[in-house]
Every structure is written in structure tokens, then in C-alpha cells.
Amino acid sequence: MFAPVYLDHNATTATDPVVVEAMLPYLSGLCGNASSRHEYGRAARRAIDEARSKVAAAVGAHASEVVFTSGGSEANNLLIKGAAACLKPGLLAVSAIEHPCVIRPAEQLRKRGWTLHKLAVDAAGRVDVASFQAVIAEQPRIVSVMLANNETGVVQDVASLATQAGAAGAWFHTDAVQAVGKIAVDFRQLNAAGVNALSLSAHKIGGPKGAAALVLDKRLDIEPLIAGGGHERGLRSGTENVAAIVGFGVACELAAARLADVAPRLLALRERLERGLFSLGATLFGQAAERLPNTLYFAFPDIDGETLVGHLDRAGYALASGSACSSANPEPSHVLRAMGVEAELARGALRVSLGAANSAAEMDGFLVTLRATVLRLQQLTAMAV
């Protein structure tokens, strides 16, 4: 079977074989419902408790702060809508480069009397300090700024932002889905700085799809999105997906153990690619900011991103023309537009997101293929003019 080189790890990752092995018993013989009182149920509960401790340990949290959800989108919605339900409507601030699963629930809250402010970012994709301070002066009730952007890989100084937000009495949340497993994430330190909650997801770190978590300061009261039997401290009712949660725990354990080795290797591969892209005349986005070690976002003038992705896929390289979660939207990336990138160039954006299995040889092969593909498309464009 034709198998392109996979360069789209920010969209999802392959499930690690160690994770699959850990999940298998809970997909067959160990069939118990974790709420049941018999031995099968008790075994499922023990497995969930163990996984909860592993997830917590990976991000410097306490197990009692981890609330399991079905995905990062649900975790983000749970915090934003759940917090809003417990507060008097007021100002809600999110960065203009958030994932749609933060921006859209924030927009929905306008119908409930909330005022939404989208925080401006600078040309490198960092939250603009002056804009942020002006919003904080208006005393927002909820602030959400992602730790690392899924498209550009730009890392935000959420500790500093959270400190300012906390001083104004705001609840602060960060979407850390892309950060975990690529950079160090310590909820205890972030919480001390003012971060009240963070979201993470299994399938971004070699775990299964369908498992994620909201790490929540227990001093916060939020209303559940799903009411029912009172699972997850009453914050997320529904019979737990034991196999996926077990896999999530193992994936977190592996990601934490491998971080010190994986991150430098990914950075070396990214820098190798960057040198090649500069030589080809590509525009790199977010390069002036701190970024995830595995992520590059770039474009070539006058070349459509979707077209280039299709050609590269057929040539044996799988990457993205932006965020996979919004790939059905033909409009230019809202992240790049917020950074002030012109629409025409933004439409050409491609994202390479590397994983631990990628190699230097693959990077070199990709650059050779990319050079030939870009040259061919440029020639076709010139002929059409």
C-alpha cells in the first residue's frame, strides 16, 4: 500500500504500539462498567484511577484535578461554557488565534449576554501586550489563551498573561493540547501564576482518539455540559471509555519520559527544514517567536496551498494546508489573518508538523520534492498569465 511520509502530527498521531497493548484487555475480557460494584467494575475503576494519576503526573497536576472528556474540543467547551454558567455575564476575552473549539463557544455566549473580545496578536503571532493590558483594565471574567498554536506552533507566555488576568479577578484557561509532549507543561507552576485550567488530548501524543482531559483547579465551580449519573466529580456524566482512558494514561507516561530526547531531535529536524525552505524562497510564519520544536508554517507567493498539498501527497508526503479541524473552510487561515498576513499569501500556507519517527533523510527528500513541485507550479502559473 502506498504510504506517504507523515508530516501532519499536529492533526493527529499514530497510536503508539505500547498504548495499543495496554488498551487491548479493556476491549475484550475486561468489560466492566467502572460504576459497577462487582469485580469487573472495580477493575475498570482501578484502571481509570491509575490512568488519571499518569495524566496528572505528565502535566504536574494532582489526580483529583483531572476531568476526563471525549476530546480537546469538549474540554475547552466544558471550561468556557461551564464557567460562564456560574458567573454573571460580562467580558470574555480569547486570543484571535484560538482553535475554533474555543472561539465558537465564546461566540455562542454572546447570545447569553456576554461581551466577547478577541485579543490581538503581533506579526509573530504573540498576544499583543498593550492590547492585552487594555482588555484586562476592563476586568474580564474569563480569559482563554492557548499555550501553543496548532498552525504556527507559536508558544505564548501564558504565565505572565494569567498573572495579569488573575490580578483583575478573571478566570484563566489555556488550551495546551498542542504543547503537551513537545515542551514541558507544569500545571502546578502555571496554576501558581494564575492559570485555573488547561486542556490536553490523547491523540496528539500517541494515544487514542476519543480521550482527553480538562485539568481544573478544584477551587473553581463550573457547570457540566453533560448531566447524568455524576461521573467525573459530577462534571462529565456518562459511562467512561475505559480502554481509551487507559491508553491516554500510558500515552502521557510515554510522552513525559521521552520529552528530553524527542524535543531536541524534532528541533534539529525543524531547523534542517527551515534552512531548505529559506533557500527555496519560502515565507515562514511566526519565526520571530518561540515555537514548538516540531512545527513549521510557510507559504510560497502565488502558489495555492491546497494545490501544493495535493501534489505533495501524490509525490509521497502528507502535510496540511492549515489546521485539519478547519480544512473544509476555503477562507484563509484566521490565525494568519490575525497576524496581518495578506489573504493571498495566507491561502498558500502549508504546515509541516514533525513526529518522533521522522528522519533527516525524510526531510532532505521532502525538500527535493518540494523544490521540483514548486518550480513546476510556478511555471504553470507563469504560462497562465
Protein backbone atom coordinates (compact mmCIF):
# COMPACT_ATOMS: atom_id res chain seq x y z
CA MET A 1 0.00 0.00 0.00
CA PHE A 2 1.22 3.50 -0.85
CA ALA A 3 2.20 5.20 2.42
CA PRO A 4 3.33 8.84 2.16
CA VAL A 5 5.83 10.19 4.67
CA TYR A 6 3.66 11.52 7.50
CA LEU A 7 4.29 15.19 8.32
CA ASP A 8 0.97 16.09 9.96
CA HIS A 9 1.44 15.21 13.62
CA ASN A 10 -0.33 18.34 14.91
CA ALA A 11 -3.51 16.98 13.33
CA THR A 12 -3.13 13.56 14.94
CA THR A 13 -0.50 10.95 15.73
CA ALA A 14 -0.28 7.21 15.23
CA THR A 15 -1.30 5.29 18.32
CA ASP A 16 1.87 4.01 19.96
CA PRO A 17 2.12 0.18 19.99
CA VAL A 18 2.71 0.26 23.76
CA VAL A 19 -0.55 2.19 24.13
CA VAL A 20 -2.44 -0.29 21.94
CA GLU A 21 -1.11 -3.19 24.00
CA ALA A 22 -2.29 -1.56 27.23
CA MET A 23 -5.76 -0.93 25.79
CA LEU A 24 -6.42 -4.40 24.38
CA PRO A 25 -7.58 -6.11 27.62
CA TYR A 26 -10.25 -3.45 28.08
CA LEU A 27 -11.56 -4.02 24.56
CA SER A 28 -12.24 -7.71 25.25
CA GLY A 29 -12.26 -9.62 28.55
CA LEU A 30 -12.11 -6.70 30.99
CA CYS A 31 -15.54 -5.42 30.01
CA GLY A 32 -16.72 -3.91 33.28
CA ASN A 33 -18.51 -0.60 33.75
CA ALA A 34 -16.45 1.47 36.18
CA SER A 35 -19.61 2.32 38.13
CA SER A 36 -20.48 -1.34 38.79
CA ARG A 37 -19.86 -2.81 42.25
CA HIS A 38 -18.62 -6.24 41.16
CA GLU A 39 -15.02 -7.21 40.41
CA TYR A 40 -15.26 -6.33 36.72
CA GLY A 41 -16.43 -2.85 37.65
CA ARG A 42 -13.81 -2.46 40.35
CA ALA A 43 -11.08 -3.46 37.86
CA ALA A 44 -12.30 -0.79 35.44
CA ARG A 45 -12.34 1.82 38.22
CA ARG A 46 -8.79 0.93 39.25
CA ALA A 47 -7.66 1.27 35.65
CA ILE A 48 -9.24 4.72 35.34
CA ASP A 49 -7.74 5.85 38.64
CA GLU A 50 -4.30 4.69 37.52
CA ALA A 51 -4.67 6.46 34.18
CA ARG A 52 -5.81 9.64 35.93
CA SER A 53 -2.64 9.63 38.03
CA LYS A 54 -0.49 9.17 34.91
CA VAL A 55 -2.18 12.04 33.08
CA ALA A 56 -1.81 14.26 36.13
CA ALA A 57 1.87 13.39 36.57
CA ALA A 58 2.64 14.25 32.95
CA VAL A 59 1.49 17.85 33.44
CA GLY A 60 2.43 18.41 37.08
CA ALA A 61 -1.13 18.23 38.38
CA HIS A 62 -2.90 16.27 41.12
CA ALA A 63 -5.07 13.37 40.03
CA SER A 64 -8.11 14.97 41.65
CA GLU A 65 -7.76 17.91 39.23
CA VAL A 66 -8.13 15.76 36.08
CA VAL A 67 -11.57 15.55 34.46
CA PHE A 68 -11.75 13.12 31.53
CA THR A 69 -13.61 14.18 28.38
CA SER A 70 -14.08 12.79 24.87
CA GLY A 71 -11.69 15.26 23.23
CA GLY A 72 -9.94 18.60 23.44
CA SER A 73 -12.97 20.31 21.92
CA GLU A 74 -15.20 19.05 24.72
CA ALA A 75 -12.64 20.03 27.36
CA ASN A 76 -12.46 23.59 26.01
CA ASN A 77 -16.24 23.86 25.75
CA LEU A 78 -16.65 22.47 29.27
CA LEU A 79 -14.45 25.17 30.73
CA ILE A 80 -15.76 28.13 28.74
CA LYS A 81 -19.46 27.32 28.90
CA GLY A 82 -19.25 25.70 32.32
CA ALA A 83 -17.51 28.70 33.84
CA ALA A 84 -19.83 31.18 32.13
CA ALA A 85 -22.84 29.37 33.58
CA CYS A 86 -21.55 30.06 37.10
CA LEU A 87 -20.72 33.73 36.56
CA LYS A 88 -22.70 36.86 35.93
CA PRO A 89 -22.41 37.75 32.20
CA GLY A 90 -19.58 40.15 31.50
CA LEU A 91 -16.47 40.38 29.35
CA LEU A 92 -14.95 37.21 27.90
CA ALA A 93 -11.54 37.53 26.22
CA VAL A 94 -9.94 34.93 23.95
CA SER A 95 -6.98 35.35 21.63
CA ALA A 96 -7.77 35.90 17.95
CA ILE A 97 -5.70 32.81 17.08
CA GLU A 98 -7.52 30.28 19.24
CA HIS A 99 -8.73 26.97 17.84
CA PRO A 100 -12.37 27.09 16.67
CA CYS A 101 -13.38 24.95 19.68
CA VAL A 102 -12.54 27.98 21.86
CA ILE A 103 -13.67 30.78 19.56
CA ARG A 104 -17.06 29.29 18.65
CA PRO A 105 -18.32 28.57 22.17
CA ALA A 106 -17.11 32.06 23.13
CA GLU A 107 -19.17 33.47 20.27
CA GLN A 108 -22.19 31.46 21.39
CA LEU A 109 -22.03 33.13 24.79
CA ARG A 110 -22.87 36.46 23.17
CA LYS A 111 -26.44 35.18 22.98
CA ARG A 112 -26.41 34.81 26.76
CA GLY A 113 -25.40 38.39 27.42
CA TRP A 114 -21.63 38.08 27.32
CA THR A 115 -19.34 40.56 25.58
CA LEU A 116 -16.58 38.91 23.55
CA HIS A 117 -13.18 40.49 22.88
CA LYS A 118 -10.71 38.75 20.59
CA LEU A 119 -7.22 39.63 21.76
CA ALA A 120 -4.94 40.98 19.04
CA VAL A 121 -1.61 39.34 18.22
CA ASP A 122 1.55 40.80 16.72
CA ALA A 123 3.11 39.85 13.37
CA ALA A 124 4.87 36.89 15.01
CA GLY A 125 1.64 35.51 16.44
CA ARG A 126 2.17 36.51 20.08
CA VAL A 127 -0.59 38.15 22.08
CA ASP A 128 -0.07 41.89 21.82
CA VAL A 129 0.94 43.15 25.27
CA ALA A 130 -0.64 46.60 25.00
CA SER A 131 -3.90 45.17 23.65
CA PHE A 132 -3.98 42.58 26.43
CA GLN A 133 -3.38 45.12 29.17
CA ALA A 134 -6.14 47.35 27.78
CA VAL A 135 -8.60 44.44 27.91
CA ILE A 136 -7.50 43.46 31.42
CA ALA A 137 -8.24 47.01 32.54
CA GLU A 138 -11.87 46.34 31.61
CA GLN A 139 -11.89 43.45 34.13
CA PRO A 140 -12.89 40.41 32.06
CA ARG A 141 -14.48 37.48 33.87
CA ILE A 142 -12.95 34.73 31.71
CA VAL A 143 -9.74 34.74 29.62
CA SER A 144 -8.57 31.91 27.36
CA VAL A 145 -5.20 31.96 25.59
CA MET A 146 -3.70 28.82 24.08
CA LEU A 147 -0.27 27.68 25.23
CA ALA A 148 0.89 26.76 21.71
CA ASN A 149 -0.80 27.43 18.40
CA ASN A 150 -1.78 24.44 16.30
CA GLU A 151 -0.89 26.15 13.00
CA THR A 152 2.21 28.27 13.65
CA GLY A 153 3.50 26.45 16.73
CA VAL A 154 3.99 29.83 18.44
CA VAL A 155 4.21 29.50 22.23
CA GLN A 156 2.54 32.13 24.40
CA ASP A 157 3.81 33.39 27.75
CA VAL A 158 0.63 32.26 29.47
CA ALA A 159 2.13 32.52 32.95
CA SER A 160 2.62 36.26 32.57
CA LEU A 161 -0.78 36.73 30.94
CA ALA A 162 -2.50 34.68 33.63
CA THR A 163 -0.87 36.69 36.42
CA GLN A 164 -2.27 39.89 34.95
CA ALA A 165 -5.69 38.35 34.40
CA GLY A 166 -5.81 36.93 37.91
CA ALA A 167 -4.97 40.30 39.42
CA ALA A 168 -8.08 41.64 37.67
CA GLY A 169 -10.21 38.82 39.07
CA ALA A 170 -10.54 36.82 35.84
CA TRP A 171 -10.60 33.05 35.46
CA PHE A 172 -7.79 31.99 33.11
CA HIS A 173 -7.79 28.92 30.86
CA THR A 174 -5.17 27.68 28.42
CA ASP A 175 -5.59 25.16 25.62
CA ALA A 176 -2.41 23.07 25.97
CA VAL A 177 -3.44 20.36 23.52
CA GLN A 178 -0.56 21.04 21.10
CA ALA A 179 2.04 21.74 23.79
CA VAL A 180 1.98 18.53 25.83
CA GLY A 181 4.65 16.09 24.68
CA LYS A 182 6.57 18.77 22.77
CA ILE A 183 7.51 21.23 25.51
CA ALA A 184 7.41 21.00 29.30
CA VAL A 185 3.97 21.73 30.74
CA ASP A 186 3.63 22.10 34.52
CA PHE A 187 0.15 22.87 35.78
CA ARG A 188 1.38 23.43 39.33
CA GLN A 189 3.65 26.26 38.20
CA LEU A 190 1.06 27.66 35.80
CA ASN A 191 -1.61 27.45 38.49
CA ALA A 192 0.61 29.40 40.89
CA ALA A 193 0.89 32.08 38.19
CA GLY A 194 -2.88 32.27 37.76
CA VAL A 195 -3.84 29.56 35.25
CA ASN A 196 -7.02 27.95 36.56
CA ALA A 197 -7.48 25.26 33.92
CA LEU A 198 -5.79 23.66 30.93
CA SER A 199 -6.89 21.20 28.24
CA LEU A 200 -4.98 18.27 26.76
CA SER A 201 -5.77 15.42 24.36
CA ALA A 202 -4.59 11.84 23.90
CA HIS A 203 -4.40 11.57 20.12
CA LYS A 204 -1.84 14.38 19.86
CA ILE A 205 0.71 12.37 21.86
CA GLY A 206 0.43 8.82 20.56
CA GLY A 207 -2.78 7.97 22.38
CA PRO A 208 -6.20 7.01 21.03
CA LYS A 209 -8.78 9.38 19.61
CA GLY A 210 -11.75 9.92 21.91
CA ALA A 211 -9.92 10.65 25.18
CA ALA A 212 -8.85 14.00 26.60
CA ALA A 213 -8.93 15.94 29.84
CA LEU A 214 -9.61 19.27 31.45
CA VAL A 215 -7.19 19.91 34.30
CA LEU A 216 -9.15 22.12 36.66
CA ASP A 217 -8.29 23.98 39.85
CA LYS A 218 -10.75 22.48 42.33
CA ARG A 219 -11.45 25.91 43.79
CA LEU A 220 -13.40 26.76 40.62
CA ASP A 221 -17.05 25.87 40.24
CA ILE A 222 -18.19 25.09 36.72
CA GLU A 223 -21.44 23.68 35.43
CA PRO A 224 -21.27 20.38 33.50
CA LEU A 225 -22.18 20.25 29.84
CA ILE A 226 -23.48 16.70 30.24
CA ALA A 227 -25.70 15.93 33.23
CA GLY A 228 -26.48 12.41 34.27
CA GLY A 229 -25.02 9.89 36.69
CA GLY A 230 -22.46 12.21 38.20
CA HIS A 231 -19.30 10.75 36.72
CA GLU A 232 -16.02 12.71 36.85
CA ARG A 233 -16.88 14.54 40.09
CA GLY A 234 -20.25 15.40 38.54
CA LEU A 235 -18.56 17.45 35.81
CA ARG A 236 -18.88 15.00 32.92
CA SER A 237 -21.54 12.31 33.21
CA GLY A 238 -21.52 9.22 31.01
CA THR A 239 -20.05 5.74 31.18
CA GLU A 240 -16.29 6.09 30.89
CA ASN A 241 -14.42 4.86 27.82
CA VAL A 242 -12.11 2.70 29.89
CA ALA A 243 -9.89 1.46 27.06
CA ALA A 244 -9.30 4.95 25.67
CA ILE A 245 -8.66 6.41 29.11
CA VAL A 246 -6.15 3.66 29.86
CA GLY A 247 -4.44 4.41 26.55
CA PHE A 248 -4.43 8.11 27.37
CA GLY A 249 -2.65 7.44 30.66
CA VAL A 250 0.03 5.32 29.02
CA ALA A 251 0.50 7.88 26.22
CA CYS A 252 1.04 10.62 28.80
CA GLU A 253 3.52 8.47 30.69
CA LEU A 254 5.48 7.78 27.49
CA ALA A 255 5.38 11.40 26.33
CA ALA A 256 6.76 12.63 29.66
CA ALA A 257 9.52 10.01 29.70
CA ARG A 258 10.59 10.73 26.11
CA LEU A 259 10.35 14.52 26.07
CA ALA A 260 14.00 15.21 26.92
CA ASP A 261 15.15 13.06 23.98
CA VAL A 262 12.43 13.80 21.45
CA ALA A 263 12.24 17.61 21.66
CA PRO A 264 15.90 18.27 20.65
CA ARG A 265 15.65 15.80 17.75
CA LEU A 266 12.49 17.46 16.48
CA LEU A 267 14.11 20.88 16.75
CA ALA A 268 17.11 19.70 14.72
CA LEU A 269 14.81 18.38 12.00
CA ARG A 270 12.78 21.59 12.01
CA GLU A 271 15.91 23.72 11.62
CA ARG A 272 17.10 21.47 8.80
CA LEU A 273 13.81 22.04 7.01
CA GLU A 274 13.87 25.77 7.69
CA ARG A 275 17.26 26.17 6.05
CA GLY A 276 15.98 24.39 2.97
CA LEU A 277 12.77 26.43 2.86
CA PHE A 278 14.67 29.71 3.05
CA SER A 279 16.81 28.58 0.14
CA LEU A 280 13.62 27.97 -1.86
CA GLY A 281 12.32 31.47 -1.14
CA ALA A 282 9.52 30.44 1.21
CA THR A 283 7.94 32.83 3.71
CA LEU A 284 8.00 31.33 7.22
CA PHE A 285 5.33 32.42 9.68
CA GLY A 286 5.98 33.02 13.37
CA GLN A 287 9.74 32.63 13.05
CA ALA A 288 10.43 35.61 15.34
CA ALA A 289 8.64 33.94 18.25
CA GLU A 290 9.32 30.92 20.41
CA ARG A 291 7.73 27.93 18.68
CA LEU A 292 7.10 24.24 19.21
CA PRO A 293 10.16 22.26 18.13
CA ASN A 294 8.18 20.25 15.58
CA THR A 295 6.15 22.89 13.70
CA LEU A 296 6.79 24.94 10.55
CA TYR A 297 4.22 27.09 8.78
CA PHE A 298 5.18 28.56 5.43
CA ALA A 299 4.00 29.68 2.01
CA PHE A 300 5.24 30.45 -1.48
CA PRO A 301 3.93 33.56 -3.23
CA ASP A 302 1.32 32.88 -5.95
CA ILE A 303 1.01 29.17 -5.14
CA ASP A 304 -2.25 27.85 -3.68
CA GLY A 305 -1.73 25.81 -0.52
CA GLU A 306 -4.41 23.19 -1.25
CA THR A 307 -2.98 22.63 -4.72
CA LEU A 308 0.53 22.20 -3.37
CA VAL A 309 -0.64 19.81 -0.65
CA GLY A 310 -2.36 17.65 -3.27
CA HIS A 311 0.76 17.46 -5.44
CA LEU A 312 2.96 16.64 -2.46
CA ASP A 313 0.57 13.95 -1.27
CA ARG A 314 0.72 12.23 -4.65
CA ALA A 315 4.51 12.55 -4.53
CA GLY A 316 4.65 10.79 -1.16
CA TYR A 317 4.46 13.47 1.54
CA ALA A 318 1.42 14.07 3.77
CA LEU A 319 1.13 17.53 5.31
CA ALA A 320 -1.56 20.14 5.92
CA SER A 321 -2.63 23.40 4.35
CA GLY A 322 -3.51 24.84 7.74
CA SER A 323 -5.50 23.40 10.63
CA ALA A 324 -7.04 19.99 9.94
CA CYS A 325 -10.03 20.90 12.09
CA SER A 326 -10.95 23.76 9.76
CA SER A 327 -9.74 22.33 6.44
CA ALA A 328 -13.26 22.44 4.98
CA ASN A 329 -13.20 26.23 5.19
CA PRO A 330 -11.89 27.76 1.94
CA GLU A 331 -11.15 31.08 3.64
CA PRO A 332 -7.54 31.98 4.54
CA SER A 333 -6.36 30.91 7.98
CA HIS A 334 -7.85 33.12 10.70
CA VAL A 335 -4.53 32.74 12.54
CA LEU A 336 -2.52 34.23 9.70
CA ARG A 337 -5.08 36.95 9.09
CA ALA A 338 -4.85 37.92 12.78
CA MET A 339 -1.07 38.14 12.31
CA GLY A 340 -1.56 40.62 9.49
CA VAL A 341 -0.64 38.25 6.66
CA GLU A 342 -2.24 39.24 3.34
CA ALA A 343 -5.07 36.96 2.22
CA GLU A 344 -3.34 35.88 -0.99
CA LEU A 345 -0.21 34.69 0.81
CA ALA A 346 -2.27 33.15 3.63
CA ARG A 347 -4.13 30.98 1.10
CA GLY A 348 -0.79 29.40 0.22
CA ALA A 349 0.05 28.36 3.78
CA LEU A 350 1.35 24.85 4.44
CA ARG A 351 2.07 23.29 7.81
CA VAL A 352 4.68 20.64 8.46
CA SER A 353 4.38 19.10 11.92
CA LEU A 354 7.02 16.53 12.75
CA GLY A 355 6.92 13.42 14.90
CA ALA A 356 9.45 11.24 16.68
CA ALA A 357 9.60 8.74 13.81
CA ASN A 358 10.60 11.32 11.18
CA SER A 359 14.22 11.33 9.99
CA ALA A 360 16.78 13.66 8.44
CA ALA A 361 16.64 11.62 5.24
CA GLU A 362 12.91 12.27 5.02
CA MET A 363 13.50 16.00 5.45
CA ASP A 364 16.04 16.02 2.64
CA GLY A 365 13.76 14.01 0.38
CA PHE A 366 10.86 16.33 1.12
CA LEU A 367 12.92 19.40 0.22
CA VAL A 368 13.96 17.85 -3.10
CA THR A 369 10.34 17.01 -3.93
CA LEU A 370 9.10 20.39 -2.75
CA ARG A 371 11.64 22.23 -4.90
CA ALA A 372 10.60 20.34 -8.03
CA THR A 373 6.88 20.73 -7.27
CA VAL A 374 7.08 24.46 -6.56
CA LEU A 375 9.10 25.05 -9.73
CA ARG A 376 6.55 23.14 -11.81
CA LEU A 377 3.61 25.07 -10.31
CA GLN A 378 5.40 28.39 -10.77
CA GLN A 379 5.97 27.56 -14.43
CA LEU A 380 2.29 26.68 -14.87
CA THR A 381 1.31 29.95 -13.18
CA ALA A 382 3.60 31.93 -15.47
CA MET A 383 2.13 30.24 -18.55
CA ALA A 384 -1.41 31.07 -17.40
CA VAL A 385 -0.68 34.77 -17.02
